[in-house]
Amino acid sequence: MLKNRKDAGEKLALALQKYKIDNALVLAIPRGGTELGYEIAKAFGYDLSLIICRKLPYPYNPESGFGAIAEDGSIFIDQRAAYNLDDQEIEQIIADQSEEIQRRIKTLRNGKPLPSIKGRTVILVDDGIAMGSTMHVAVALCKKQEAEKIIIAVPVAGASAIAKFSPLVDELIVLESPYNFHAVAQVYEDWYDVSDEEVLEILSRIK
């Protein structure tokens, strides 16, 4: 359905054309959401930054997770998914991911704070929503920072994620919601894990 993340970003920009937005701030969730956010920001001349959120992974299966944490400390934990973890394990995982968040702020954002969110329209961008934990804490951060309007823009999400996020934000833009959806990668022809170096290269294009 989508060639790559650049293609996904361009298609999201087209979908956003019907929204008349002034003073918007695009916040991309790295690393996968960076190129999509860049394409949207470039299309409209919006400000772009990275909002650093991390999945809370299982110690025995790091590809899956039971929640997420944002850079401001906002935490979401799915209690059903975390039922077999004790409090000490959860605290250690949160500490590990908090450390990784600080590393990413330093590396990917040059240690700079997020731009001011208060009173602005924020467009939250990622390359897709699977479980939705990282997007959940990104929304929580924006609400705490008093964003005037929150728009989620993603190329793909499952029906359960759409149902969950629709009442939480002002607008939810999803290009594709496959019936048998199980992973974000399934809608991309070219899918790979994005590196820090690629994120920095994308950000270097900003004039």
N, C-alpha and C. Protein backbone atom coordinates (compact mmCIF):
# COMPACT_ATOMS: atom_id res chain seq x y z
N MET A 1 0.81 -1.21 0.00
CA MET A 1 0.00 0.00 0.00
C MET A 1 0.84 1.26 0.00
N LEU A 2 2.01 1.18 0.68
CA LEU A 2 2.92 2.33 0.75
C LEU A 2 4.31 1.89 0.31
N LYS A 3 4.97 2.73 -0.47
CA LYS A 3 6.30 2.36 -0.94
C LYS A 3 7.31 2.37 0.21
N ASN A 4 7.31 3.47 0.95
CA ASN A 4 8.27 3.65 2.03
C ASN A 4 7.77 4.78 2.93
N ARG A 5 8.57 5.18 3.87
CA ARG A 5 8.14 6.23 4.80
C ARG A 5 8.00 7.59 4.11
N LYS A 6 8.83 7.87 3.12
CA LYS A 6 8.71 9.13 2.38
C LYS A 6 7.34 9.18 1.68
N ASP A 7 6.98 8.10 1.02
CA ASP A 7 5.69 8.00 0.35
C ASP A 7 4.56 8.18 1.35
N ALA A 8 4.68 7.56 2.52
CA ALA A 8 3.66 7.68 3.55
C ALA A 8 3.52 9.13 4.02
N GLY A 9 4.65 9.81 4.20
CA GLY A 9 4.61 11.21 4.62
C GLY A 9 3.96 12.11 3.59
N GLU A 10 4.26 11.87 2.33
CA GLU A 10 3.66 12.67 1.25
C GLU A 10 2.15 12.46 1.19
N LYS A 11 1.72 11.22 1.38
CA LYS A 11 0.28 10.92 1.35
C LYS A 11 -0.44 11.53 2.55
N LEU A 12 0.22 11.53 3.70
CA LEU A 12 -0.38 12.17 4.86
C LEU A 12 -0.50 13.68 4.66
N ALA A 13 0.50 14.27 4.03
CA ALA A 13 0.45 15.71 3.74
C ALA A 13 -0.75 16.03 2.85
N LEU A 14 -1.01 15.18 1.87
CA LEU A 14 -2.18 15.38 1.01
C LEU A 14 -3.47 15.29 1.82
N ALA A 15 -3.52 14.32 2.74
CA ALA A 15 -4.73 14.15 3.55
C ALA A 15 -4.94 15.33 4.49
N LEU A 16 -3.87 16.02 4.87
CA LEU A 16 -3.97 17.16 5.78
C LEU A 16 -4.36 18.46 5.08
N GLN A 17 -4.39 18.45 3.76
CA GLN A 17 -4.66 19.69 3.02
C GLN A 17 -6.02 20.29 3.34
N LYS A 18 -6.98 19.45 3.70
CA LYS A 18 -8.32 19.98 3.96
C LYS A 18 -8.42 20.71 5.30
N TYR A 19 -7.39 20.57 6.13
CA TYR A 19 -7.40 21.24 7.43
C TYR A 19 -6.68 22.58 7.31
N LYS A 20 -7.38 23.63 7.63
CA LYS A 20 -6.79 24.97 7.58
C LYS A 20 -6.13 25.25 8.93
N ILE A 21 -4.83 25.08 8.98
CA ILE A 21 -4.13 25.16 10.25
C ILE A 21 -3.09 26.27 10.20
N ASP A 22 -3.09 27.12 11.21
CA ASP A 22 -2.05 28.13 11.36
C ASP A 22 -1.19 27.78 12.57
N ASN A 23 0.07 28.15 12.52
CA ASN A 23 0.96 28.02 13.66
C ASN A 23 1.05 26.57 14.17
N ALA A 24 1.04 25.62 13.24
CA ALA A 24 1.08 24.22 13.64
C ALA A 24 2.50 23.79 13.98
N LEU A 25 2.57 22.82 14.87
CA LEU A 25 3.83 22.20 15.25
C LEU A 25 3.73 20.71 14.97
N VAL A 26 4.60 20.21 14.11
CA VAL A 26 4.65 18.78 13.83
C VAL A 26 5.61 18.14 14.82
N LEU A 27 5.12 17.17 15.58
CA LEU A 27 5.96 16.42 16.50
C LEU A 27 6.01 14.98 16.02
N ALA A 28 7.17 14.57 15.53
CA ALA A 28 7.35 13.22 15.03
C ALA A 28 7.91 12.33 16.12
N ILE A 29 7.43 11.10 16.18
CA ILE A 29 7.95 10.13 17.13
C ILE A 29 9.08 9.36 16.45
N PRO A 30 10.32 9.55 16.92
CA PRO A 30 11.44 8.85 16.29
C PRO A 30 11.55 7.42 16.83
N ARG A 31 12.17 6.56 16.00
CA ARG A 31 12.86 7.06 14.83
C ARG A 31 11.99 6.96 13.58
N GLY A 32 11.04 6.01 13.60
CA GLY A 32 10.27 5.73 12.39
C GLY A 32 9.42 6.86 11.89
N GLY A 33 8.97 7.75 12.76
CA GLY A 33 8.08 8.82 12.33
C GLY A 33 8.77 10.04 11.78
N THR A 34 10.11 10.07 11.83
CA THR A 34 10.84 11.29 11.48
C THR A 34 10.63 11.71 10.04
N GLU A 35 10.80 10.79 9.10
CA GLU A 35 10.68 11.17 7.70
C GLU A 35 9.26 11.59 7.35
N LEU A 36 8.27 10.94 7.94
CA LEU A 36 6.88 11.34 7.70
C LEU A 36 6.63 12.75 8.22
N GLY A 37 7.13 13.02 9.41
CA GLY A 37 6.97 14.36 9.97
C GLY A 37 7.65 15.42 9.12
N TYR A 38 8.83 15.07 8.61
CA TYR A 38 9.56 16.00 7.76
C TYR A 38 8.75 16.33 6.50
N GLU A 39 8.17 15.32 5.87
CA GLU A 39 7.40 15.56 4.64
C GLU A 39 6.19 16.44 4.90
N ILE A 40 5.53 16.25 6.03
CA ILE A 40 4.37 17.09 6.37
C ILE A 40 4.81 18.52 6.66
N ALA A 41 5.85 18.67 7.46
CA ALA A 41 6.34 20.01 7.79
C ALA A 41 6.80 20.75 6.54
N LYS A 42 7.48 20.04 5.65
CA LYS A 42 7.97 20.65 4.41
C LYS A 42 6.81 21.10 3.53
N ALA A 43 5.77 20.29 3.45
CA ALA A 43 4.64 20.60 2.57
C ALA A 43 3.93 21.89 2.97
N PHE A 44 3.88 22.17 4.27
CA PHE A 44 3.09 23.31 4.74
C PHE A 44 3.93 24.41 5.39
N GLY A 45 5.24 24.18 5.54
CA GLY A 45 6.07 25.16 6.22
C GLY A 45 5.89 25.18 7.72
N TYR A 46 5.42 24.06 8.27
CA TYR A 46 5.22 23.98 9.72
C TYR A 46 6.55 23.76 10.44
N ASP A 47 6.57 24.12 11.72
CA ASP A 47 7.71 23.78 12.57
C ASP A 47 7.73 22.27 12.80
N LEU A 48 8.92 21.73 12.94
CA LEU A 48 9.09 20.29 13.16
C LEU A 48 10.03 20.05 14.32
N SER A 49 9.64 19.12 15.19
CA SER A 49 10.54 18.66 16.24
C SER A 49 10.24 17.19 16.50
N LEU A 50 11.07 16.59 17.36
CA LEU A 50 10.90 15.20 17.75
C LEU A 50 10.37 15.12 19.17
N ILE A 51 9.35 14.31 19.37
CA ILE A 51 8.84 14.05 20.71
C ILE A 51 9.32 12.65 21.10
N ILE A 52 10.08 12.57 22.17
CA ILE A 52 10.76 11.33 22.50
C ILE A 52 9.90 10.49 23.45
N CYS A 53 9.45 9.35 22.94
CA CYS A 53 8.66 8.39 23.69
C CYS A 53 9.29 7.01 23.50
N ARG A 54 9.15 6.17 24.50
CA ARG A 54 9.73 4.83 24.40
C ARG A 54 8.74 3.77 24.87
N LYS A 55 8.66 2.72 24.10
CA LYS A 55 7.90 1.55 24.52
C LYS A 55 8.54 0.94 25.75
N LEU A 56 7.74 0.38 26.64
CA LEU A 56 8.25 -0.38 27.77
C LEU A 56 8.25 -1.85 27.36
N PRO A 57 9.43 -2.39 27.00
CA PRO A 57 9.46 -3.73 26.41
C PRO A 57 9.52 -4.83 27.47
N TYR A 58 9.02 -5.99 27.09
CA TYR A 58 9.19 -7.16 27.95
C TYR A 58 10.67 -7.53 28.01
N PRO A 59 11.16 -7.92 29.17
CA PRO A 59 12.58 -8.29 29.28
C PRO A 59 12.95 -9.50 28.44
N TYR A 60 11.97 -10.36 28.17
CA TYR A 60 12.22 -11.59 27.41
C TYR A 60 11.77 -11.50 25.96
N ASN A 61 11.16 -10.37 25.58
CA ASN A 61 10.69 -10.18 24.20
C ASN A 61 10.66 -8.68 23.90
N PRO A 62 11.82 -8.09 23.62
CA PRO A 62 11.90 -6.63 23.47
C PRO A 62 11.11 -6.06 22.29
N GLU A 63 10.67 -6.91 21.36
CA GLU A 63 9.86 -6.42 20.25
C GLU A 63 8.43 -6.10 20.68
N SER A 64 8.01 -6.68 21.79
CA SER A 64 6.67 -6.42 22.31
C SER A 64 6.77 -5.62 23.60
N GLY A 65 5.67 -5.00 24.00
CA GLY A 65 5.72 -4.17 25.19
C GLY A 65 4.41 -4.16 25.95
N PHE A 66 4.46 -3.58 27.13
CA PHE A 66 3.29 -3.52 28.00
C PHE A 66 2.91 -2.08 28.32
N GLY A 67 3.54 -1.10 27.67
CA GLY A 67 3.23 0.30 27.92
C GLY A 67 4.27 1.19 27.30
N ALA A 68 4.32 2.44 27.74
CA ALA A 68 5.27 3.40 27.18
C ALA A 68 5.48 4.54 28.17
N ILE A 69 6.56 5.29 27.91
CA ILE A 69 6.89 6.47 28.71
C ILE A 69 7.31 7.59 27.79
N ALA A 70 6.90 8.82 28.10
CA ALA A 70 7.29 10.00 27.32
C ALA A 70 8.38 10.76 28.06
N GLU A 71 8.97 11.70 27.36
CA GLU A 71 10.11 12.43 27.92
C GLU A 71 9.77 13.27 29.14
N ASP A 72 8.50 13.61 29.33
CA ASP A 72 8.11 14.37 30.52
C ASP A 72 7.74 13.47 31.69
N GLY A 73 7.91 12.16 31.50
CA GLY A 73 7.57 11.22 32.56
C GLY A 73 6.17 10.66 32.48
N SER A 74 5.37 11.10 31.51
CA SER A 74 4.04 10.51 31.32
C SER A 74 4.18 9.02 31.04
N ILE A 75 3.42 8.21 31.75
CA ILE A 75 3.53 6.76 31.63
C ILE A 75 2.16 6.16 31.35
N PHE A 76 2.15 5.19 30.45
CA PHE A 76 0.96 4.37 30.22
C PHE A 76 1.36 2.92 30.38
N ILE A 77 0.64 2.19 31.22
CA ILE A 77 0.89 0.76 31.40
C ILE A 77 -0.42 0.01 31.20
N ASP A 78 -0.39 -0.94 30.30
CA ASP A 78 -1.53 -1.83 30.08
C ASP A 78 -1.45 -2.93 31.15
N GLN A 79 -2.31 -2.85 32.13
CA GLN A 79 -2.23 -3.78 33.26
C GLN A 79 -2.42 -5.22 32.84
N ARG A 80 -3.23 -5.43 31.82
CA ARG A 80 -3.42 -6.82 31.34
C ARG A 80 -2.13 -7.35 30.73
N ALA A 81 -1.40 -6.49 30.02
CA ALA A 81 -0.17 -6.93 29.38
C ALA A 81 0.97 -7.07 30.38
N ALA A 82 0.86 -6.38 31.51
CA ALA A 82 1.95 -6.39 32.50
C ALA A 82 1.69 -7.33 33.66
N TYR A 83 0.66 -8.15 33.55
CA TYR A 83 0.23 -8.95 34.69
C TYR A 83 1.30 -9.91 35.21
N ASN A 84 2.20 -10.37 34.31
CA ASN A 84 3.21 -11.35 34.73
C ASN A 84 4.55 -10.71 35.10
N LEU A 85 4.58 -9.38 35.24
CA LEU A 85 5.79 -8.68 35.66
C LEU A 85 5.61 -8.15 37.07
N ASP A 86 6.64 -8.28 37.91
CA ASP A 86 6.52 -7.73 39.26
C ASP A 86 6.94 -6.25 39.25
N ASP A 87 6.66 -5.57 40.35
CA ASP A 87 6.91 -4.13 40.43
C ASP A 87 8.38 -3.79 40.21
N GLN A 88 9.26 -4.62 40.72
CA GLN A 88 10.70 -4.36 40.58
C GLN A 88 11.12 -4.43 39.12
N GLU A 89 10.60 -5.41 38.39
CA GLU A 89 10.91 -5.53 36.97
C GLU A 89 10.40 -4.31 36.20
N ILE A 90 9.19 -3.90 36.51
CA ILE A 90 8.61 -2.74 35.82
C ILE A 90 9.41 -1.48 36.11
N GLU A 91 9.79 -1.29 37.35
CA GLU A 91 10.59 -0.10 37.72
C GLU A 91 11.93 -0.08 36.99
N GLN A 92 12.55 -1.26 36.85
CA GLN A 92 13.83 -1.33 36.15
C GLN A 92 13.67 -1.02 34.67
N ILE A 93 12.62 -1.52 34.07
CA ILE A 93 12.37 -1.26 32.64
C ILE A 93 12.10 0.22 32.42
N ILE A 94 11.32 0.83 33.32
CA ILE A 94 11.05 2.27 33.21
C ILE A 94 12.36 3.06 33.34
N ALA A 95 13.21 2.67 34.28
CA ALA A 95 14.50 3.35 34.45
C ALA A 95 15.37 3.22 33.22
N ASP A 96 15.41 2.02 32.64
CA ASP A 96 16.22 1.80 31.43
C ASP A 96 15.73 2.65 30.27
N GLN A 97 14.41 2.71 30.09
CA GLN A 97 13.87 3.48 28.97
C GLN A 97 13.97 4.98 29.22
N SER A 98 13.90 5.40 30.47
CA SER A 98 14.12 6.82 30.79
C SER A 98 15.54 7.24 30.43
N GLU A 99 16.47 6.34 30.66
CA GLU A 99 17.87 6.61 30.29
C GLU A 99 18.02 6.71 28.78
N GLU A 100 17.32 5.83 28.05
CA GLU A 100 17.37 5.87 26.59
C GLU A 100 16.71 7.15 26.07
N ILE A 101 15.66 7.60 26.71
CA ILE A 101 15.02 8.86 26.32
C ILE A 101 16.01 10.01 26.44
N GLN A 102 16.74 10.07 27.53
CA GLN A 102 17.72 11.13 27.71
C GLN A 102 18.82 11.05 26.65
N ARG A 103 19.23 9.83 26.31
CA ARG A 103 20.23 9.67 25.26
C ARG A 103 19.71 10.20 23.92
N ARG A 104 18.45 9.89 23.62
CA ARG A 104 17.88 10.35 22.35
C ARG A 104 17.68 11.86 22.32
N ILE A 105 17.29 12.45 23.44
CA ILE A 105 17.17 13.91 23.48
C ILE A 105 18.52 14.54 23.18
N LYS A 106 19.56 14.00 23.78
CA LYS A 106 20.91 14.53 23.58
C LYS A 106 21.39 14.31 22.15
N THR A 107 21.14 13.11 21.62
CA THR A 107 21.67 12.75 20.30
C THR A 107 20.83 13.31 19.16
N LEU A 108 19.51 13.14 19.25
CA LEU A 108 18.64 13.47 18.13
C LEU A 108 18.12 14.91 18.18
N ARG A 109 18.08 15.50 19.37
CA ARG A 109 17.56 16.86 19.50
C ARG A 109 18.62 17.80 20.05
N ASN A 110 19.85 17.32 20.07
CA ASN A 110 20.98 18.14 20.51
C ASN A 110 20.78 18.67 21.92
N GLY A 111 20.05 17.90 22.73
CA GLY A 111 19.83 18.30 24.12
C GLY A 111 18.82 19.41 24.32
N LYS A 112 18.18 19.86 23.24
CA LYS A 112 17.25 20.99 23.34
C LYS A 112 15.89 20.54 23.86
N PRO A 113 15.19 21.42 24.57
CA PRO A 113 13.82 21.09 25.02
C PRO A 113 12.85 21.10 23.84
N LEU A 114 11.69 20.54 24.05
CA LEU A 114 10.64 20.64 23.04
C LEU A 114 10.27 22.10 22.81
N PRO A 115 9.86 22.46 21.59
CA PRO A 115 9.32 23.81 21.37
C PRO A 115 8.07 24.01 22.23
N SER A 116 7.69 25.26 22.42
CA SER A 116 6.49 25.55 23.19
C SER A 116 5.26 24.94 22.51
N ILE A 117 4.47 24.23 23.28
CA ILE A 117 3.27 23.56 22.78
C ILE A 117 2.00 24.33 23.16
N LYS A 118 2.05 25.06 24.24
CA LYS A 118 0.85 25.72 24.77
C LYS A 118 0.19 26.61 23.72
N GLY A 119 -1.11 26.39 23.53
CA GLY A 119 -1.89 27.22 22.64
C GLY A 119 -1.71 26.92 21.16
N ARG A 120 -0.97 25.88 20.83
CA ARG A 120 -0.70 25.58 19.42
C ARG A 120 -1.46 24.33 18.97
N THR A 121 -1.63 24.21 17.67
CA THR A 121 -2.11 22.97 17.08
C THR A 121 -0.91 22.06 16.89
N VAL A 122 -0.99 20.87 17.46
CA VAL A 122 0.10 19.90 17.37
C VAL A 122 -0.34 18.74 16.48
N ILE A 123 0.51 18.40 15.53
CA ILE A 123 0.27 17.22 14.68
C ILE A 123 1.26 16.15 15.10
N LEU A 124 0.75 15.10 15.72
CA LEU A 124 1.58 13.98 16.16
C LEU A 124 1.68 12.96 15.03
N VAL A 125 2.91 12.60 14.69
CA VAL A 125 3.14 11.76 13.52
C VAL A 125 3.99 10.55 13.90
N ASP A 126 3.58 9.39 13.42
CA ASP A 126 4.41 8.19 13.51
C ASP A 126 4.19 7.38 12.23
N ASP A 127 4.99 6.33 12.04
CA ASP A 127 4.85 5.54 10.82
C ASP A 127 3.73 4.52 10.91
N GLY A 128 3.01 4.52 12.01
CA GLY A 128 1.86 3.65 12.18
C GLY A 128 1.58 3.45 13.65
N ILE A 129 0.38 2.95 13.95
CA ILE A 129 0.01 2.65 15.33
C ILE A 129 -0.33 1.17 15.41
N ALA A 130 0.41 0.45 16.22
CA ALA A 130 0.11 -0.95 16.47
C ALA A 130 -0.62 -1.03 17.82
N MET A 131 0.12 -1.25 18.88
CA MET A 131 -0.48 -1.28 20.22
C MET A 131 -0.95 0.11 20.65
N GLY A 132 -0.17 1.14 20.28
CA GLY A 132 -0.58 2.51 20.55
C GLY A 132 -0.05 3.12 21.84
N SER A 133 0.83 2.41 22.54
CA SER A 133 1.30 2.92 23.83
C SER A 133 2.11 4.20 23.68
N THR A 134 3.03 4.24 22.71
CA THR A 134 3.86 5.44 22.56
C THR A 134 3.03 6.65 22.15
N MET A 135 2.06 6.44 21.28
CA MET A 135 1.19 7.55 20.90
C MET A 135 0.35 8.00 22.09
N HIS A 136 -0.05 7.08 22.92
CA HIS A 136 -0.85 7.41 24.10
C HIS A 136 -0.10 8.40 25.00
N VAL A 137 1.18 8.12 25.27
CA VAL A 137 1.93 9.04 26.15
C VAL A 137 2.29 10.33 25.43
N ALA A 138 2.42 10.29 24.10
CA ALA A 138 2.65 11.53 23.35
C ALA A 138 1.45 12.46 23.47
N VAL A 139 0.26 11.90 23.37
CA VAL A 139 -0.97 12.68 23.54
C VAL A 139 -1.04 13.25 24.96
N ALA A 140 -0.70 12.41 25.94
CA ALA A 140 -0.74 12.87 27.34
C ALA A 140 0.20 14.04 27.56
N LEU A 141 1.40 13.98 26.99
CA LEU A 141 2.35 15.08 27.12
C LEU A 141 1.78 16.36 26.52
N CYS A 142 1.20 16.27 25.34
CA CYS A 142 0.66 17.46 24.67
C CYS A 142 -0.50 18.07 25.46
N LYS A 143 -1.30 17.23 26.08
CA LYS A 143 -2.41 17.74 26.89
C LYS A 143 -1.87 18.44 28.14
N LYS A 144 -0.85 17.86 28.76
CA LYS A 144 -0.25 18.50 29.94
C LYS A 144 0.36 19.85 29.59
N GLN A 145 0.89 19.95 28.36
CA GLN A 145 1.51 21.20 27.92
C GLN A 145 0.48 22.17 27.31
N GLU A 146 -0.79 21.82 27.40
CA GLU A 146 -1.90 22.70 27.02
C GLU A 146 -1.91 23.05 25.54
N ALA A 147 -1.73 22.03 24.71
CA ALA A 147 -1.93 22.23 23.27
C ALA A 147 -3.38 22.65 23.02
N GLU A 148 -3.57 23.57 22.10
CA GLU A 148 -4.93 24.01 21.79
C GLU A 148 -5.70 22.94 21.04
N LYS A 149 -5.00 22.24 20.13
CA LYS A 149 -5.63 21.21 19.32
C LYS A 149 -4.60 20.12 19.05
N ILE A 150 -5.02 18.86 19.11
CA ILE A 150 -4.13 17.74 18.86
C ILE A 150 -4.68 16.92 17.70
N ILE A 151 -3.83 16.76 16.70
CA ILE A 151 -4.16 15.94 15.54
C ILE A 151 -3.17 14.78 15.48
N ILE A 152 -3.66 13.57 15.36
CA ILE A 152 -2.80 12.41 15.10
C ILE A 152 -2.87 12.12 13.61
N ALA A 153 -1.69 11.98 12.98
CA ALA A 153 -1.63 11.65 11.55
C ALA A 153 -0.70 10.45 11.36
N VAL A 154 -1.28 9.34 10.98
CA VAL A 154 -0.49 8.12 10.75
C VAL A 154 -0.98 7.43 9.49
N PRO A 155 -0.10 6.68 8.81
CA PRO A 155 -0.53 5.99 7.60
C PRO A 155 -1.38 4.76 7.87
N VAL A 156 -1.17 4.12 9.01
CA VAL A 156 -1.89 2.87 9.27
C VAL A 156 -2.16 2.71 10.75
N ALA A 157 -3.31 2.13 11.06
CA ALA A 157 -3.67 1.79 12.44
C ALA A 157 -4.77 0.75 12.39
N GLY A 158 -4.82 -0.07 13.41
CA GLY A 158 -5.88 -1.07 13.51
C GLY A 158 -7.17 -0.46 14.00
N ALA A 159 -8.25 -1.20 13.86
CA ALA A 159 -9.57 -0.71 14.26
C ALA A 159 -9.62 -0.40 15.74
N SER A 160 -8.96 -1.20 16.57
CA SER A 160 -9.00 -0.97 18.02
C SER A 160 -8.28 0.32 18.38
N ALA A 161 -7.16 0.61 17.69
CA ALA A 161 -6.43 1.86 17.95
C ALA A 161 -7.26 3.07 17.52
N ILE A 162 -7.93 2.95 16.39
CA ILE A 162 -8.78 4.05 15.92
C ILE A 162 -9.89 4.33 16.93
N ALA A 163 -10.48 3.28 17.44
CA ALA A 163 -11.55 3.45 18.42
C ALA A 163 -11.02 4.07 19.71
N LYS A 164 -9.78 3.71 20.08
CA LYS A 164 -9.21 4.23 21.32
C LYS A 164 -8.83 5.71 21.20
N PHE A 165 -8.22 6.09 20.09
CA PHE A 165 -7.68 7.44 19.98
C PHE A 165 -8.69 8.47 19.48
N SER A 166 -9.72 8.06 18.78
CA SER A 166 -10.69 9.02 18.24
C SER A 166 -11.26 9.95 19.30
N PRO A 167 -11.64 9.45 20.48
CA PRO A 167 -12.18 10.37 21.48
C PRO A 167 -11.13 11.14 22.27
N LEU A 168 -9.85 10.79 22.09
CA LEU A 168 -8.79 11.43 22.88
C LEU A 168 -8.22 12.68 22.23
N VAL A 169 -8.41 12.83 20.91
CA VAL A 169 -7.80 13.94 20.18
C VAL A 169 -8.85 14.66 19.34
N ASP A 170 -8.45 15.79 18.78
CA ASP A 170 -9.39 16.58 17.98
C ASP A 170 -9.61 16.00 16.59
N GLU A 171 -8.54 15.47 16.01
CA GLU A 171 -8.65 14.83 14.69
C GLU A 171 -7.74 13.61 14.66
N LEU A 172 -8.19 12.57 13.99
CA LEU A 172 -7.39 11.37 13.79
C LEU A 172 -7.39 11.05 12.31
N ILE A 173 -6.20 11.12 11.71
CA ILE A 173 -6.07 10.85 10.28
C ILE A 173 -5.32 9.52 10.11
N VAL A 174 -5.98 8.55 9.50
CA VAL A 174 -5.41 7.23 9.25
C VAL A 174 -5.66 6.89 7.79
N LEU A 175 -4.61 6.65 7.03
CA LEU A 175 -4.77 6.36 5.60
C LEU A 175 -5.29 4.96 5.35
N GLU A 176 -4.82 3.99 6.11
CA GLU A 176 -5.19 2.59 5.88
C GLU A 176 -5.46 1.91 7.22
N SER A 177 -6.49 1.05 7.24
CA SER A 177 -6.76 0.23 8.41
C SER A 177 -7.13 -1.17 7.92
N PRO A 178 -6.10 -1.98 7.64
CA PRO A 178 -6.36 -3.32 7.07
C PRO A 178 -7.20 -4.17 8.01
N TYR A 179 -8.03 -5.01 7.41
CA TYR A 179 -8.91 -5.88 8.20
C TYR A 179 -8.07 -6.82 9.07
N ASN A 180 -7.06 -7.43 8.48
CA ASN A 180 -6.22 -8.37 9.21
C ASN A 180 -4.90 -7.69 9.57
N PHE A 181 -5.00 -6.66 10.42
CA PHE A 181 -3.83 -5.86 10.75
C PHE A 181 -3.12 -6.43 11.98
N HIS A 182 -1.81 -6.68 11.86
CA HIS A 182 -1.06 -7.19 12.99
C HIS A 182 0.28 -6.49 13.19
N ALA A 183 0.76 -5.75 12.17
CA ALA A 183 2.05 -5.07 12.31
C ALA A 183 2.12 -3.91 11.32
N VAL A 184 2.74 -2.81 11.76
CA VAL A 184 2.88 -1.63 10.90
C VAL A 184 3.61 -1.96 9.61
N ALA A 185 4.62 -2.82 9.71
CA ALA A 185 5.46 -3.12 8.55
C ALA A 185 4.69 -3.73 7.39
N GLN A 186 3.54 -4.33 7.65
CA GLN A 186 2.84 -5.07 6.58
C GLN A 186 2.30 -4.16 5.48
N VAL A 187 2.18 -2.86 5.73
CA VAL A 187 1.64 -1.97 4.69
C VAL A 187 2.73 -1.27 3.90
N TYR A 188 4.00 -1.54 4.21
CA TYR A 188 5.12 -0.91 3.52
C TYR A 188 5.84 -1.92 2.62
N GLU A 189 6.15 -1.48 1.40
CA GLU A 189 7.00 -2.30 0.53
C GLU A 189 8.43 -2.32 1.05
N ASP A 190 8.92 -1.16 1.46
CA ASP A 190 10.29 -1.03 1.96
C ASP A 190 10.24 -0.65 3.43
N TRP A 191 10.55 -1.62 4.29
CA TRP A 191 10.47 -1.40 5.73
C TRP A 191 11.79 -1.81 6.38
N TYR A 192 12.30 -0.96 7.24
CA TYR A 192 13.54 -1.28 7.95
C TYR A 192 13.60 -0.42 9.21
N ASP A 193 14.47 -0.79 10.12
CA ASP A 193 14.66 -0.01 11.34
C ASP A 193 15.51 1.22 11.03
N VAL A 194 15.01 2.38 11.38
CA VAL A 194 15.70 3.65 11.10
C VAL A 194 16.79 3.87 12.15
N SER A 195 17.93 4.34 11.70
CA SER A 195 19.06 4.59 12.60
C SER A 195 19.07 6.04 13.09
N ASP A 196 19.83 6.29 14.15
CA ASP A 196 20.04 7.66 14.61
C ASP A 196 20.61 8.52 13.49
N GLU A 197 21.55 7.95 12.74
CA GLU A 197 22.22 8.70 11.67
C GLU A 197 21.22 9.15 10.61
N GLU A 198 20.25 8.29 10.29
CA GLU A 198 19.26 8.68 9.28
C GLU A 198 18.35 9.78 9.82
N VAL A 199 17.98 9.68 11.08
CA VAL A 199 17.17 10.74 11.69
C VAL A 199 17.88 12.08 11.60
N LEU A 200 19.15 12.09 11.94
CA LEU A 200 19.93 13.35 11.89
C LEU A 200 20.05 13.87 10.47
N GLU A 201 20.20 12.96 9.50
CA GLU A 201 20.28 13.38 8.10
C GLU A 201 18.98 14.02 7.65
N ILE A 202 17.84 13.43 8.05
CA ILE A 202 16.54 14.00 7.69
C ILE A 202 16.38 15.39 8.30
N LEU A 203 16.72 15.53 9.57
CA LEU A 203 16.59 16.82 10.23
C LEU A 203 17.51 17.87 9.65
N SER A 204 18.65 17.44 9.09
CA SER A 204 19.61 18.38 8.51
C SER A 204 19.07 19.04 7.25
N ARG A 205 17.99 18.48 6.67
CA ARG A 205 17.39 19.04 5.45
C ARG A 205 16.56 20.28 5.75
N ILE A 206 16.20 20.48 7.02
CA ILE A 206 15.34 21.60 7.37
C ILE A 206 16.09 22.90 7.14
N LYS A 207 15.48 23.78 6.38
CA LYS A 207 16.12 25.06 6.06
C LYS A 207 15.96 26.03 7.23
